[in-house]
Protein backbone atom coordinates (compact mmCIF):
# COMPACT_ATOMS: atom_id res chain seq x y z
CA MET A 1 -11.61 11.95 9.37
CA VAL A 2 -9.53 9.19 7.90
CA PRO A 3 -11.79 7.43 5.32
CA LYS A 4 -14.03 4.72 6.66
CA LEU A 5 -13.99 1.33 5.01
CA PHE A 6 -16.81 -0.58 3.33
CA LEU A 7 -16.54 -4.31 2.66
CA ASN A 8 -17.44 -5.38 -0.87
CA GLU A 9 -19.73 -8.37 -0.28
CA GLN A 10 -19.28 -9.51 -3.90
CA SER A 11 -15.68 -10.44 -3.10
CA CYS A 12 -16.81 -12.88 -0.40
CA GLU A 13 -18.08 -16.47 -0.59
CA THR A 14 -15.83 -17.25 -3.54
CA VAL A 15 -15.16 -20.84 -4.46
CA CYS A 16 -11.44 -21.35 -3.83
CA ASP A 17 -8.88 -23.25 -1.81
CA LYS A 18 -8.97 -22.53 1.95
CA ALA A 19 -5.29 -21.63 2.01
CA LEU A 20 -5.87 -19.02 -0.68
CA ALA A 21 -8.89 -17.66 1.19
CA ARG A 22 -6.86 -17.44 4.42
CA GLU A 23 -4.09 -15.55 2.63
CA ALA A 24 -6.57 -13.15 1.03
CA MET A 25 -8.33 -12.39 4.32
CA THR A 26 -5.00 -11.80 6.05
CA GLU A 27 -3.98 -9.31 3.36
CA LEU A 28 -7.32 -7.51 3.67
CA MET A 29 -7.10 -7.34 7.45
CA LEU A 30 -3.52 -6.00 7.30
CA LEU A 31 -4.84 -3.29 4.99
CA VAL A 32 -7.63 -2.46 7.45
CA VAL A 33 -5.20 -2.42 10.38
CA GLU A 34 -2.89 -0.08 8.50
CA MET A 35 -5.77 2.33 8.01
CA ALA A 36 -6.62 2.05 11.70
CA GLN A 37 -3.06 3.03 12.58
CA ARG A 38 -3.49 6.24 10.56
CA ASP A 39 -6.65 7.12 12.45
CA LYS A 40 -5.89 7.13 16.17
CA HIS A 41 -9.54 7.73 17.01
CA GLY A 42 -10.85 4.47 15.65
CA THR A 43 -11.44 3.03 12.22
CA TRP A 44 -14.52 1.06 11.44
CA LEU A 45 -15.24 -1.48 8.75
CA ALA A 46 -18.84 -1.34 7.54
CA CYS A 47 -20.30 -4.64 6.39
CA GLU A 48 -23.67 -5.91 5.24
CA TYR A 49 -23.46 -8.56 7.99
CA PRO A 50 -21.34 -8.77 11.19
CA LEU A 51 -17.84 -10.07 10.58
CA ASN A 52 -18.44 -13.01 12.89
CA ALA A 53 -21.12 -14.18 10.43
CA LEU A 54 -18.97 -13.59 7.34
CA MET A 55 -18.19 -16.41 4.95
CA ILE A 56 -14.84 -15.51 3.37
CA ALA A 57 -15.09 -18.30 0.83
CA GLU A 58 -17.36 -21.25 0.35
CA GLY A 59 -16.89 -23.44 3.41
CA TYR A 60 -14.45 -21.05 5.11
CA SER A 61 -15.71 -18.60 7.73
CA PHE A 62 -14.27 -15.51 9.38
CA SER A 63 -14.31 -17.32 12.71
CA GLU A 64 -12.16 -20.11 11.27
CA TRP A 65 -9.72 -17.57 9.84
CA ARG A 66 -9.48 -15.73 13.16
CA GLY A 67 -8.53 -18.96 14.89
CA GLN A 68 -5.68 -19.55 12.44
CA VAL A 69 -3.88 -16.16 12.43
CA ASP A 70 -1.18 -15.17 14.88
CA ARG A 71 -1.98 -13.39 18.14
CA ASP A 72 -0.34 -10.13 17.06
CA LEU A 73 -2.69 -9.68 14.11
CA ARG A 74 -5.70 -10.62 16.24
CA ASN A 75 -4.73 -8.02 18.85
CA ARG A 76 -4.15 -5.34 16.23
CA PHE A 77 -7.48 -6.13 14.63
CA LEU A 78 -9.28 -5.63 17.94
CA LYS A 79 -8.71 -1.88 17.45
CA VAL A 80 -10.91 -2.00 14.37
CA GLN A 81 -14.66 -1.77 14.83
CA ASP A 82 -17.10 -3.44 12.48
CA ARG A 83 -20.53 -1.99 11.84
CA ALA A 84 -23.47 -3.86 10.36
CA PRO A 85 -25.66 -3.48 8.46
CA LEU A 86 -24.28 -0.90 6.07
CA SER A 87 -27.12 1.48 6.88
CA ALA A 88 -25.80 1.70 10.46
CA VAL A 89 -23.14 4.15 9.29
CA PHE A 90 -25.48 6.42 7.32
CA PRO A 91 -26.36 9.83 8.79
CA ASP A 92 -29.33 9.78 11.17
CA GLY A 93 -32.58 9.46 9.29
CA GLU A 94 -30.90 8.90 5.92
CA THR A 95 -31.56 5.69 3.99
CA PHE A 96 -30.32 6.55 0.48
CA ALA A 97 -33.22 4.39 -0.72
CA GLU A 98 -33.29 6.25 -4.04
CA TYR A 99 -29.83 4.93 -4.96
CA GLN A 100 -28.80 1.52 -6.23
CA TYR A 101 -25.32 0.52 -7.37
CA TRP A 102 -24.50 -2.41 -9.62
CA TYR A 103 -21.34 -4.20 -10.66
CA GLY A 104 -21.19 -7.09 -13.09
CA GLY A 105 -24.97 -7.35 -13.21
CA LYS A 106 -25.27 -7.69 -9.42
CA GLU A 107 -26.17 -5.13 -6.80
CA ALA A 108 -23.03 -3.77 -5.11
CA ARG A 109 -24.18 -2.62 -1.69
CA GLY A 110 -20.80 -2.21 0.00
CA LEU A 111 -19.11 -0.41 -2.87
CA GLY A 112 -22.19 1.73 -3.34
CA ALA A 113 -22.16 2.76 0.32
CA ALA A 114 -18.48 3.68 -0.03
CA HIS A 115 -19.39 6.01 -2.88
CA LEU A 116 -22.31 7.56 -0.99
CA MET A 117 -20.27 8.12 2.17
CA ASN A 118 -17.06 9.33 0.50
CA GLY A 119 -15.31 6.25 1.85
CA LEU A 120 -13.12 3.43 0.62
CA GLY A 121 -14.43 0.11 -0.69
CA VAL A 122 -12.32 -2.88 0.32
CA SER A 123 -12.34 -6.38 -1.17
CA LEU A 124 -10.82 -9.77 -0.66
CA PRO A 125 -8.16 -10.16 -3.37
CA LEU A 126 -9.64 -13.38 -4.70
CA ALA A 127 -10.44 -12.29 -8.26
CA GLN A 128 -8.65 -10.23 -10.87
CA CYS A 129 -11.49 -7.70 -11.02
CA TRP A 130 -10.68 -6.59 -7.45
CA GLU A 131 -7.01 -5.95 -8.22
CA SER A 132 -7.60 -2.26 -8.86
CA PRO A 133 -7.56 0.96 -6.79
CA ILE A 134 -10.65 2.22 -8.65
CA ILE A 135 -13.84 0.27 -9.37
CA GLY A 136 -16.43 1.50 -11.86
CA LEU A 137 -20.10 1.07 -10.87
CA ASP A 138 -23.45 1.61 -12.51
CA CYS A 139 -25.50 3.96 -10.35
CA ARG A 140 -29.28 4.08 -10.70
CA GLN A 141 -30.97 6.99 -8.96
CA MET A 142 -34.72 7.39 -8.69
CA VAL A 143 -35.74 11.05 -8.98
CA GLU A 144 -39.10 12.75 -8.94
CA THR A 145 -40.02 14.95 -11.87
CA GLU A 146 -41.96 18.19 -11.59
CA SER A 147 -45.09 16.27 -12.52
CA GLY A 148 -44.55 13.86 -9.63
CA ASP A 149 -43.44 10.89 -11.69
CA LEU A 150 -40.47 8.76 -10.65
CA ILE A 151 -37.79 8.13 -13.23
CA CYS A 152 -34.51 6.25 -13.08
CA LEU A 153 -31.36 8.19 -13.95
CA PRO A 154 -28.45 5.83 -14.74
CA THR A 155 -24.90 7.14 -14.37
CA ALA A 156 -21.42 5.62 -14.30
CA VAL A 157 -19.39 6.37 -11.17
CA ASP A 158 -15.97 5.45 -9.85
CA VAL A 159 -15.42 4.39 -6.25
CA ARG A 160 -12.13 4.38 -4.36
CA HIS A 161 -11.07 0.82 -3.70
CA ALA A 162 -8.35 -1.33 -2.21
CA SER A 163 -7.80 -5.04 -1.86
CA ARG A 164 -4.07 -4.84 -1.12
CA ARG A 165 -1.94 -2.52 0.98
CA THR A 166 -0.12 -1.34 -2.15
CA HIS A 167 -3.39 0.20 -3.37
CA MET A 168 -3.17 2.74 -0.56
CA ASP A 169 -0.39 4.56 -2.40
CA HIS A 170 -2.95 5.47 -5.06
CA HIS A 171 -5.16 7.12 -2.44
CA GLN A 172 -2.44 8.87 -0.43
CA SER A 173 -3.32 12.43 -1.41
CA TRP A 174 -7.00 11.80 -0.68
CA ILE A 175 -6.18 10.26 2.71
CA GLN A 176 -4.08 13.31 3.53
CA GLU A 177 -6.96 15.58 2.57
CA GLN A 178 -9.15 13.77 5.09
CA LEU A 179 -6.47 14.19 7.75
CA ASP A 180 -6.01 17.87 6.95
CA ALA A 181 -9.73 18.39 7.44
CA LEU A 182 -9.22 17.48 11.10
CA VAL A 183 -7.25 20.67 11.75
CA ARG A 184 -9.20 23.75 12.74
CA THR A 185 -7.20 24.88 15.76
CA GLY A 186 -3.76 24.37 17.25
CA ALA A 187 -5.37 21.98 19.72
CA ASP A 188 -6.48 19.88 16.75
CA ILE A 189 -2.87 19.66 15.58
CA TRP A 190 -1.85 18.30 18.97
CA GLU A 191 -4.79 15.91 19.28
CA HIS A 192 -4.25 14.36 15.83
CA ARG A 193 -0.45 14.68 15.66
CA GLU A 194 0.24 10.94 15.44
CA ALA A 195 -2.09 10.47 12.50
CA LEU A 196 -1.06 13.69 10.77
CA TYR A 197 2.69 13.46 11.30
CA PRO A 198 3.80 9.86 11.92
CA HIS A 199 7.50 10.73 11.51
CA LEU A 200 7.50 13.60 13.98
CA GLN A 201 7.95 13.37 17.74
CA PHE A 202 6.85 16.16 20.08
CA LEU A 203 8.13 17.33 23.46
CA PRO A 204 5.30 17.69 26.01
CA ARG A 205 5.84 21.47 26.14
CA VAL A 206 4.60 21.72 22.56
CA GLN A 207 1.02 20.95 23.60
CA ALA A 208 0.52 24.29 25.35
CA LEU A 209 2.24 26.14 22.50
CA LEU A 210 -0.11 24.62 19.94
CA GLU A 211 -3.21 25.19 22.06
CA ASP A 212 -2.23 28.87 22.35
CA LEU A 213 -1.39 29.20 18.65
CA GLN A 214 -2.90 32.27 17.02
CA PRO A 215 -5.63 31.38 14.50
CA VAL A 216 -3.66 32.99 11.66
CA TRP A 217 -0.81 30.58 12.36
CA VAL A 218 -2.78 27.31 12.59
CA HIS A 219 -2.78 26.39 8.89
CA PRO A 220 0.79 27.65 8.19
CA ALA A 221 2.13 25.75 11.22
CA ALA A 222 0.30 22.57 10.16
CA GLU A 223 1.75 22.88 6.63
CA CYS A 224 5.25 23.43 8.03
CA LEU A 225 4.95 20.30 10.18
CA LYS A 226 3.64 18.34 7.20
CA SER A 227 6.69 19.40 5.17
CA LEU A 228 9.05 18.28 7.94
CA ASP A 229 7.20 14.97 8.25
CA ALA A 230 7.62 14.35 4.50
CA SER A 231 11.35 15.12 4.76
CA ALA A 232 11.72 12.69 7.66
CA GLU A 233 9.83 9.95 5.80
CA ALA A 234 12.17 10.21 2.80
CA TRP A 235 15.35 10.61 4.87
CA ASP A 236 18.30 8.41 3.92
CA VAL A 237 19.77 8.20 7.41
CA THR A 238 23.22 7.36 6.02
CA LYS A 239 23.28 11.08 5.26
CA PRO A 240 23.43 13.65 8.07
CA PHE A 241 20.34 15.59 6.98
CA PRO A 242 17.12 14.90 5.10
CA GLU A 243 16.32 16.68 1.86
CA TRP A 244 14.32 19.63 3.13
CA ASN A 245 11.12 20.66 1.39
CA SER A 246 11.31 24.15 2.90
CA GLU A 247 13.94 26.48 4.28
CA VAL A 248 15.67 24.92 7.30
CA THR A 249 18.67 26.47 9.03
CA PRO A 250 20.50 26.22 12.38
CA GLU A 251 20.60 29.11 14.82
CA GLY A 252 23.73 31.16 15.10
CA GLU A 253 26.04 30.52 18.03
CA THR A 254 24.80 33.52 20.01
CA ARG A 255 21.19 32.33 19.85
CA LYS A 256 21.71 28.64 20.52
CA ARG A 257 21.27 29.23 24.27
CA LEU A 258 17.62 30.00 23.54
CA CYS A 259 17.13 26.60 21.94
CA VAL A 260 17.92 24.37 24.92
CA PHE A 261 14.95 22.32 26.13
CA GLU A 262 14.35 19.32 28.36
CA ASP A 263 14.21 16.28 26.07
CA LEU A 264 11.97 13.25 26.44
CA ASP A 265 14.54 11.50 28.63
CA GLY A 266 14.88 14.49 30.97
CA GLU A 267 18.23 15.60 29.56
CA SER A 268 18.69 19.17 28.28
CA ARG A 269 19.53 19.32 24.58
CA THR A 270 19.81 21.95 21.87
CA PHE A 271 17.03 22.13 19.28
CA ASP A 272 18.55 24.80 17.08
CA LEU A 273 17.47 23.54 13.65
CA HIS A 274 14.38 25.46 12.66
CA ALA A 275 11.88 25.92 9.85
CA ARG A 276 9.89 29.08 9.23
CA PHE A 277 6.22 29.70 8.64
CA THR A 278 4.38 32.89 7.83
CA PRO A 279 3.18 35.34 8.85
CA ARG A 280 6.63 35.87 10.29
CA PRO A 281 8.13 35.31 12.73
CA GLY A 282 6.70 31.78 13.00
CA ARG A 283 9.23 29.06 13.85
CA VAL A 284 9.36 25.30 14.37
CA HIS A 285 12.46 24.21 16.33
CA PHE A 286 13.58 20.61 16.25
CA ARG A 287 16.43 18.13 16.29
CA LEU A 288 17.03 15.01 14.22
CA ILE A 289 16.63 11.47 15.60
CA PRO A 290 18.46 9.25 13.04
CA GLY A 291 17.82 6.02 14.97
CA ASP A 292 14.06 6.49 14.54
CA ARG A 293 14.30 8.27 11.18
CA ALA A 294 12.32 10.98 12.89
CA ILE A 295 12.31 14.66 13.76
CA ARG A 296 11.66 15.73 17.36
CA ILE A 297 9.78 19.00 17.76
CA ALA A 298 10.49 21.29 20.72
CA HIS A 299 8.87 24.58 19.73
CA VAL A 300 6.06 25.76 17.47
CA GLY A 301 5.20 29.43 17.58
CA ARG A 302 6.85 32.84 17.66
CA LYS A 303 10.56 33.18 17.03
CA LEU A 304 12.40 32.44 20.26
CA GLY A 305 13.41 35.54 22.20
CA VAL A 306 11.07 37.84 20.28
């Protein structure tokens, strides 16, 4: 799934001006909301204590911040779940009691949990040390020797981290890997389409096509859609076409009649642009939507008419 987020408690309760604390919390929450938008099935923020009990800075609480931000951000934040304590997100029966993580001479519980759970540590941008997409931690693991003695093995580890939305660019390939892991069947492609392909739109007829997709075509079709999504994202709409990352061609005049489908508004339109995926004859038929800087998908599957 899209990486879950772990609040770095060391970045909280800083001594600073309330206006600065409010600005920092707003930036962090916008980052969290952006991650929630990528994961349509719910993003949670794991914390050592419930957010309602959080002190953002000395003398400035989360509740006070929430009362000062605009309604739109409050409503968007409602889609984000917070979990506390951190152990609430560990696998059933697992405590990770043999691990401790330290940063700057202090235990780093949130960042450590992010490392253990292959997640993303997030911090309030209130100190220069949190202005980095990677945070180095000291990990101390207690292990039992063959003789039954316990010894401490210290290691240095890096944890993924963000305190600003711009840090997400550093983790983009990793985020995409988590999204790709969602896809096992054609039905998975349909279920997670908004998170996987934010610049693609799909006609309702595509659902049945994806659910019936042959197993050998699932991964190639998902890769083809990903390529089209990347082209749409980078599209300079002052130009008639995006820069394609794969072979895209229109159908010939004699075959265009096969490419007419009922569009989202009920009108029949031609979706003759198509990309190919193997094993042949896999096709994705679509048309361009310049006003949305998007590509609208009408067909995923076998070559039309074959």
